[in-house]
């Protein structure tokens, strides 16, 4: 008689951590192991600790080996398992969209705070647009937090838009999606005027490629990372131009930025009739968000 010994959950965890330490540090290897096994088993970390002597079933072990192989080739765990958490919600992700980062959650929280606590929007009329929506995580999170707002989301990638729409359906949110390239859509008459513009645009220069981690440059969409010329403010300028035609007087613009360019973005806004422009640091102490109020001519 032939016996097949299935791998224990704790053994699977230990193998991922051990094997990935050639690529990641111990802390990140542990986080990846947790995410992978939660996806495979459907068990939370606490549940796996309680059931650590339980075995993977045969299908789970096959999936484990497939996913470990992908991880060892540097594919980000979020793409391997097909999702990631953002604002306590699970979003589908793949190589057509950026993996949402914690600092982008902070951007969302900043927008929500300013609207809810400073009454920047009439609840019955507030329109918000997320420019370069990717997975839709910003737009969907804002709609969930503020269902009274009308949320629009644009992206030039058809594949990204398809995924964003799937996420909107998954989270039962009504978002107005439009495929559009902000670099050529400043005066788009098909878009209405807004009270809030929010964006995490591309800002990385091509020569900064070597500064990125290999798993980022090899797998995440380059069009969502890099500017198309040698100007790190390329997309910020386009969005400011868009605001001239599509942002109400007194409306707000919220940007996520590279810490090295936050002051430049602030100066750009101030030179284009924005006031009360602020740079906000993230939880790591980096200047990652810039926002301000439009005080130019009314639309």
Protein backbone atom coordinates (compact mmCIF):
# COMPACT_ATOMS: atom_id res chain seq x y z
CA UNK A 1 0.00 0.00 0.00
CA UNK A 2 1.27 3.45 -0.93
CA UNK A 3 0.79 6.26 1.57
CA UNK A 4 0.72 9.90 0.50
CA UNK A 5 1.73 12.30 3.23
CA UNK A 6 0.09 15.67 2.77
CA UNK A 7 1.91 18.77 3.89
CA UNK A 8 0.90 20.34 7.20
CA UNK A 9 -0.17 23.98 7.17
CA UNK A 10 2.70 24.89 9.50
CA UNK A 11 5.16 23.09 7.17
CA UNK A 12 3.82 25.02 4.18
CA UNK A 13 4.29 28.29 6.06
CA UNK A 14 7.84 27.38 7.08
CA UNK A 15 8.77 26.38 3.53
CA UNK A 16 7.56 29.67 2.03
CA UNK A 17 9.43 31.72 4.64
CA UNK A 18 12.61 29.68 4.18
CA UNK A 19 12.58 29.65 0.38
CA UNK A 20 11.73 33.34 -0.05
CA UNK A 21 14.52 34.61 2.16
CA UNK A 22 16.79 34.54 -0.88
CA UNK A 23 14.56 37.31 -2.30
CA UNK A 24 12.96 39.08 0.67
CA UNK A 25 13.88 39.79 4.28
CA UNK A 26 12.43 37.61 7.03
CA UNK A 27 9.57 39.98 7.86
CA UNK A 28 8.37 40.30 4.27
CA UNK A 29 8.78 36.56 3.67
CA UNK A 30 6.53 35.94 6.67
CA UNK A 31 3.90 38.38 5.39
CA UNK A 32 3.92 36.74 1.96
CA UNK A 33 3.56 33.30 3.56
CA UNK A 34 0.55 34.51 5.54
CA UNK A 35 -1.13 36.02 2.47
CA UNK A 36 -0.47 32.93 0.35
CA UNK A 37 -1.79 30.44 2.88
CA UNK A 38 -4.85 32.54 3.69
CA UNK A 39 -5.68 32.51 -0.02
CA UNK A 40 -5.07 28.76 -0.40
CA UNK A 41 -6.81 27.56 2.75
CA UNK A 42 -9.42 30.27 3.32
CA UNK A 43 -8.26 30.40 6.94
CA UNK A 44 -7.21 33.57 8.74
CA UNK A 45 -3.85 33.74 10.49
CA UNK A 46 -5.48 33.07 13.87
CA UNK A 47 -7.38 30.09 12.47
CA UNK A 48 -4.18 28.68 10.96
CA UNK A 49 -2.37 29.04 14.27
CA UNK A 50 -5.14 27.08 15.96
CA UNK A 51 -5.17 24.45 13.18
CA UNK A 52 -1.43 24.44 12.47
CA UNK A 53 -1.28 20.64 12.62
CA UNK A 54 -4.00 20.31 9.97
CA UNK A 55 -2.93 19.24 6.48
CA UNK A 56 -3.41 20.84 3.12
CA UNK A 57 -5.66 18.72 0.95
CA UNK A 58 -4.32 17.42 -2.37
CA UNK A 59 -5.76 20.31 -4.41
CA UNK A 60 -4.42 22.85 -1.96
CA UNK A 61 -0.97 21.27 -2.08
CA UNK A 62 -0.92 21.44 -5.88
CA UNK A 63 -1.90 25.12 -5.70
CA UNK A 64 0.72 25.70 -3.00
CA UNK A 65 3.49 24.34 -5.23
CA UNK A 66 2.31 26.38 -8.21
CA UNK A 67 2.15 29.60 -6.23
CA UNK A 68 5.48 29.04 -4.48
CA UNK A 69 7.10 28.59 -7.86
CA UNK A 70 5.66 31.91 -9.05
CA UNK A 71 6.80 33.64 -5.88
CA UNK A 72 10.33 32.28 -6.32
CA UNK A 73 10.40 33.84 -9.79
CA UNK A 74 9.72 37.23 -8.19
CA UNK A 75 6.04 37.63 -9.08
CA UNK A 76 4.40 39.79 -6.39
CA UNK A 77 2.20 37.83 -4.03
CA UNK A 78 -0.79 40.05 -4.80
CA UNK A 79 -0.65 39.02 -8.45
CA UNK A 80 -0.05 35.39 -7.52
CA UNK A 81 -3.17 35.17 -5.37
CA UNK A 82 -5.09 37.69 -7.50
CA UNK A 83 -6.13 40.15 -4.80
CA UNK A 84 -5.04 42.47 -2.02
CA UNK A 85 -6.56 44.35 0.89
CA UNK A 86 -7.22 48.10 0.70
CA UNK A 87 -9.30 50.10 3.16
CA UNK A 88 -10.43 46.81 4.74
CA UNK A 89 -11.80 45.60 1.40
CA UNK A 90 -10.49 42.89 -0.88
CA UNK A 91 -9.71 44.07 -4.42
CA UNK A 92 -8.91 42.00 -7.49
CA UNK A 93 -5.51 42.87 -8.98
CA UNK A 94 -3.41 41.66 -11.88
CA UNK A 95 -0.48 42.87 -13.97
CA UNK A 96 -2.65 45.48 -15.70
CA UNK A 97 -2.91 47.60 -12.54
CA UNK A 98 -0.59 48.81 -9.80
CA UNK A 99 -0.71 47.00 -6.48
CA UNK A 100 -2.39 49.43 -4.05
CA UNK A 101 0.00 50.76 -1.41
CA UNK A 102 -0.59 51.81 2.23
CA UNK A 103 0.24 55.44 1.43
CA UNK A 104 -2.62 55.49 -1.08
CA UNK A 105 -4.92 54.44 1.76
CA UNK A 106 -3.69 57.53 3.58
CA UNK A 107 -4.60 59.65 0.54
CA UNK A 108 -8.13 58.22 0.60
CA UNK A 109 -8.42 58.91 4.33
CA UNK A 110 -7.29 62.50 3.80
CA UNK A 111 -9.97 63.08 1.14
CA UNK A 112 -12.67 61.55 3.34
CA UNK A 113 -11.60 63.61 6.34
CA UNK A 114 -11.64 66.90 4.46
CA UNK A 115 -15.08 66.25 2.98
CA UNK A 116 -16.72 64.90 6.13
CA UNK A 117 -15.19 67.26 8.67
CA UNK A 118 -14.79 70.47 6.69
CA UNK A 119 -17.95 70.21 4.57
CA UNK A 120 -16.20 70.91 1.31
CA UNK A 121 -19.05 69.29 -0.62
CA UNK A 122 -22.78 69.76 -0.72
CA UNK A 123 -23.89 66.21 0.03
CA UNK A 124 -26.48 66.30 -2.73
CA UNK A 125 -24.18 67.68 -5.42
CA UNK A 126 -20.65 66.50 -4.64
CA UNK A 127 -18.85 65.08 -7.68
CA UNK A 128 -15.43 63.44 -7.35
CA UNK A 129 -13.15 62.13 -10.10
CA UNK A 130 -10.31 59.65 -9.62
CA UNK A 131 -7.79 60.15 -12.43
CA UNK A 132 -5.78 57.05 -13.34
CA UNK A 133 -8.01 54.73 -11.34
CA UNK A 134 -6.19 51.42 -12.00
CA UNK A 135 -7.89 48.78 -9.86
CA UNK A 136 -10.53 51.32 -8.83
CA UNK A 137 -9.46 51.14 -5.19
CA UNK A 138 -9.55 54.92 -4.61
CA UNK A 139 -12.88 55.53 -6.33
CA UNK A 140 -14.59 52.53 -4.74
CA UNK A 141 -13.26 53.33 -1.26
CA UNK A 142 -14.52 56.91 -1.54
CA UNK A 143 -17.95 55.73 -2.69
CA UNK A 144 -18.17 53.23 0.17
CA UNK A 145 -17.27 55.90 2.72
CA UNK A 146 -19.43 58.63 1.16
CA UNK A 147 -22.32 57.08 -0.78
CA UNK A 148 -23.88 60.53 -1.21
CA UNK A 149 -21.03 61.54 -3.57
CA UNK A 150 -21.12 60.96 -7.32
CA UNK A 151 -17.85 59.24 -8.19
CA UNK A 152 -16.19 59.16 -11.60
CA UNK A 153 -13.06 57.21 -12.51
CA UNK A 154 -10.94 57.41 -15.66
CA UNK A 155 -7.98 55.45 -16.96
CA UNK A 156 -6.41 55.08 -20.38
CA UNK A 157 -5.97 51.31 -19.99
CA UNK A 158 -8.94 49.28 -21.21
CA UNK A 159 -7.72 46.28 -19.21
CA UNK A 160 -7.48 48.36 -16.04
CA UNK A 161 -10.98 49.71 -16.59
CA UNK A 162 -12.34 46.19 -16.99
CA UNK A 163 -10.80 45.15 -13.68
CA UNK A 164 -11.96 48.33 -11.92
CA UNK A 165 -15.52 47.65 -13.07
CA UNK A 166 -15.26 44.10 -11.69
CA UNK A 167 -14.14 45.51 -8.34
CA UNK A 168 -16.98 48.05 -8.34
CA UNK A 169 -19.45 45.22 -8.94
CA UNK A 170 -17.79 43.09 -6.27
CA UNK A 171 -18.26 45.86 -3.72
CA UNK A 172 -21.71 46.88 -4.95
CA UNK A 173 -20.70 50.45 -5.75
CA UNK A 174 -22.00 52.68 -8.52
CA UNK A 175 -19.09 54.40 -10.25
CA UNK A 176 -19.11 56.30 -13.55
CA UNK A 177 -16.21 54.81 -15.52
CA UNK A 178 -14.72 56.34 -18.65
CA UNK A 179 -11.71 55.25 -20.69
CA UNK A 180 -9.63 58.41 -21.17
CA UNK A 181 -5.99 59.53 -21.26
CA UNK A 182 -5.53 62.60 -19.06
CA UNK A 183 -2.57 63.72 -21.20
CA UNK A 184 -4.96 64.41 -24.07
CA UNK A 185 -8.32 64.85 -22.33
CA UNK A 186 -8.00 68.18 -20.49
CA UNK A 187 -10.97 69.76 -22.29
CA UNK A 188 -13.06 66.59 -22.64
CA UNK A 189 -16.62 67.86 -23.00
CA UNK A 190 -17.98 64.40 -22.20
CA UNK A 191 -16.90 64.86 -18.58
CA UNK A 192 -18.80 67.12 -16.16
CA UNK A 193 -17.43 69.62 -13.67
CA UNK A 194 -16.25 68.28 -10.32
CA UNK A 195 -15.88 69.40 -6.72
CA UNK A 196 -12.94 67.10 -5.98
CA UNK A 197 -10.12 65.71 -8.10
CA UNK A 198 -7.94 62.95 -6.64
CA UNK A 199 -5.04 61.19 -8.34
CA UNK A 200 -2.02 59.00 -7.77
CA UNK A 201 -0.40 59.61 -11.18
CA UNK A 202 2.83 58.25 -12.70
CA UNK A 203 5.86 60.27 -11.60
CA UNK A 204 8.92 58.04 -12.02
CA UNK A 205 11.56 59.00 -14.59
CA UNK A 206 12.88 56.32 -16.97
CA UNK A 207 16.41 56.72 -15.58
CA UNK A 208 15.13 55.82 -12.11
CA UNK A 209 14.39 52.24 -13.19
CA UNK A 210 17.37 50.90 -11.26
CA UNK A 211 15.96 52.41 -8.06
CA UNK A 212 12.90 50.16 -8.24
CA UNK A 213 12.70 46.66 -6.85
CA UNK A 214 12.95 43.91 -9.43
CA UNK A 215 9.49 42.54 -8.65
CA UNK A 216 8.04 46.01 -9.32
CA UNK A 217 9.80 46.72 -12.61
CA UNK A 218 9.36 43.19 -13.93
CA UNK A 219 5.66 42.82 -13.19
CA UNK A 220 3.80 46.08 -12.48
CA UNK A 221 2.48 48.09 -15.48
CA UNK A 222 5.10 50.56 -16.67
CA UNK A 223 2.50 53.01 -17.98
CA UNK A 224 1.23 53.40 -14.41
CA UNK A 225 4.74 53.99 -13.04
CA UNK A 226 6.64 56.12 -15.53
CA UNK A 227 6.16 59.53 -17.09
CA UNK A 228 6.29 59.58 -20.89
CA UNK A 229 8.98 62.27 -21.04
CA UNK A 230 11.70 63.47 -18.67
CA UNK A 231 9.39 65.63 -16.59
CA UNK A 232 8.30 64.11 -13.25
CA UNK A 233 5.48 66.69 -13.14
CA UNK A 234 4.06 65.69 -16.54
CA UNK A 235 0.83 64.21 -15.21
CA UNK A 236 0.42 66.81 -12.46
CA UNK A 237 0.54 69.55 -15.10
CA UNK A 238 -2.05 67.72 -17.20
CA UNK A 239 -4.36 67.32 -14.19
CA UNK A 240 -3.98 71.01 -13.26
CA UNK A 241 -4.88 71.83 -16.87
CA UNK A 242 -7.89 69.53 -16.54
CA UNK A 243 -8.91 71.37 -13.37
CA UNK A 244 -9.10 74.66 -15.27
CA UNK A 245 -11.92 73.21 -17.37
CA UNK A 246 -13.49 70.71 -14.95
CA UNK A 247 -13.09 71.88 -11.33
CA UNK A 248 -15.51 74.28 -9.67
CA UNK A 249 -14.15 77.37 -7.97
CA UNK A 250 -13.40 76.38 -4.37
CA UNK A 251 -12.94 72.75 -5.44
CA UNK A 252 -10.09 70.65 -4.11
CA UNK A 253 -7.32 68.65 -5.76
CA UNK A 254 -5.59 65.84 -3.86
CA UNK A 255 -2.37 64.31 -5.19
CA UNK A 256 -0.15 61.45 -4.15
CA UNK A 257 3.46 62.33 -4.99
CA UNK A 258 7.02 61.13 -4.80
CA UNK A 259 8.58 62.56 -1.65
CA UNK A 260 11.28 64.25 -3.76
CA UNK A 261 8.72 66.16 -5.84
CA UNK A 262 6.15 67.24 -3.25
CA UNK A 263 7.46 70.79 -3.04
CA UNK A 264 7.50 71.08 -6.85
CA UNK A 265 3.89 69.92 -7.00
CA UNK A 266 2.95 72.46 -4.32
CA UNK A 267 4.67 75.24 -6.27
CA UNK A 268 2.92 74.13 -9.47
CA UNK A 269 -0.48 74.33 -7.80
CA UNK A 270 0.21 77.73 -6.26
CA UNK A 271 1.30 79.13 -9.63
CA UNK A 272 -2.03 77.96 -11.11
CA UNK A 273 -4.44 79.78 -8.80
CA UNK A 274 -4.60 77.22 -6.02
CA UNK A 275 -4.39 78.42 -2.44
CA UNK A 276 -4.14 76.87 1.02
CA UNK A 277 -1.87 74.28 -0.61
CA UNK A 278 -0.48 71.81 1.92
CA UNK A 279 2.08 69.03 1.89
CA UNK A 280 1.14 66.13 4.14
CA UNK A 281 3.54 63.47 5.35
CA UNK A 282 2.62 59.80 5.43
CA UNK A 283 3.03 57.56 8.47
CA UNK A 284 6.67 56.98 7.49
CA UNK A 285 7.35 60.71 7.72
CA UNK A 286 7.68 61.13 3.93
CA UNK A 287 6.09 64.02 2.03
CA UNK A 288 3.66 61.97 -0.06
CA UNK A 289 0.44 64.01 -0.40
CA UNK A 290 -0.25 67.52 -1.68
CA UNK A 291 -3.64 69.18 -1.75
CA UNK A 292 -5.16 72.61 -2.21
CA UNK A 293 -8.18 74.72 -3.18
CA UNK A 294 -8.85 76.21 -6.60
CA UNK A 295 -9.47 79.94 -6.46
CA UNK A 296 -9.45 80.80 -10.18
CA UNK A 297 -12.40 81.87 -12.29
CA UNK A 298 -15.62 79.98 -11.77
CA UNK A 299 -16.70 77.51 -14.46
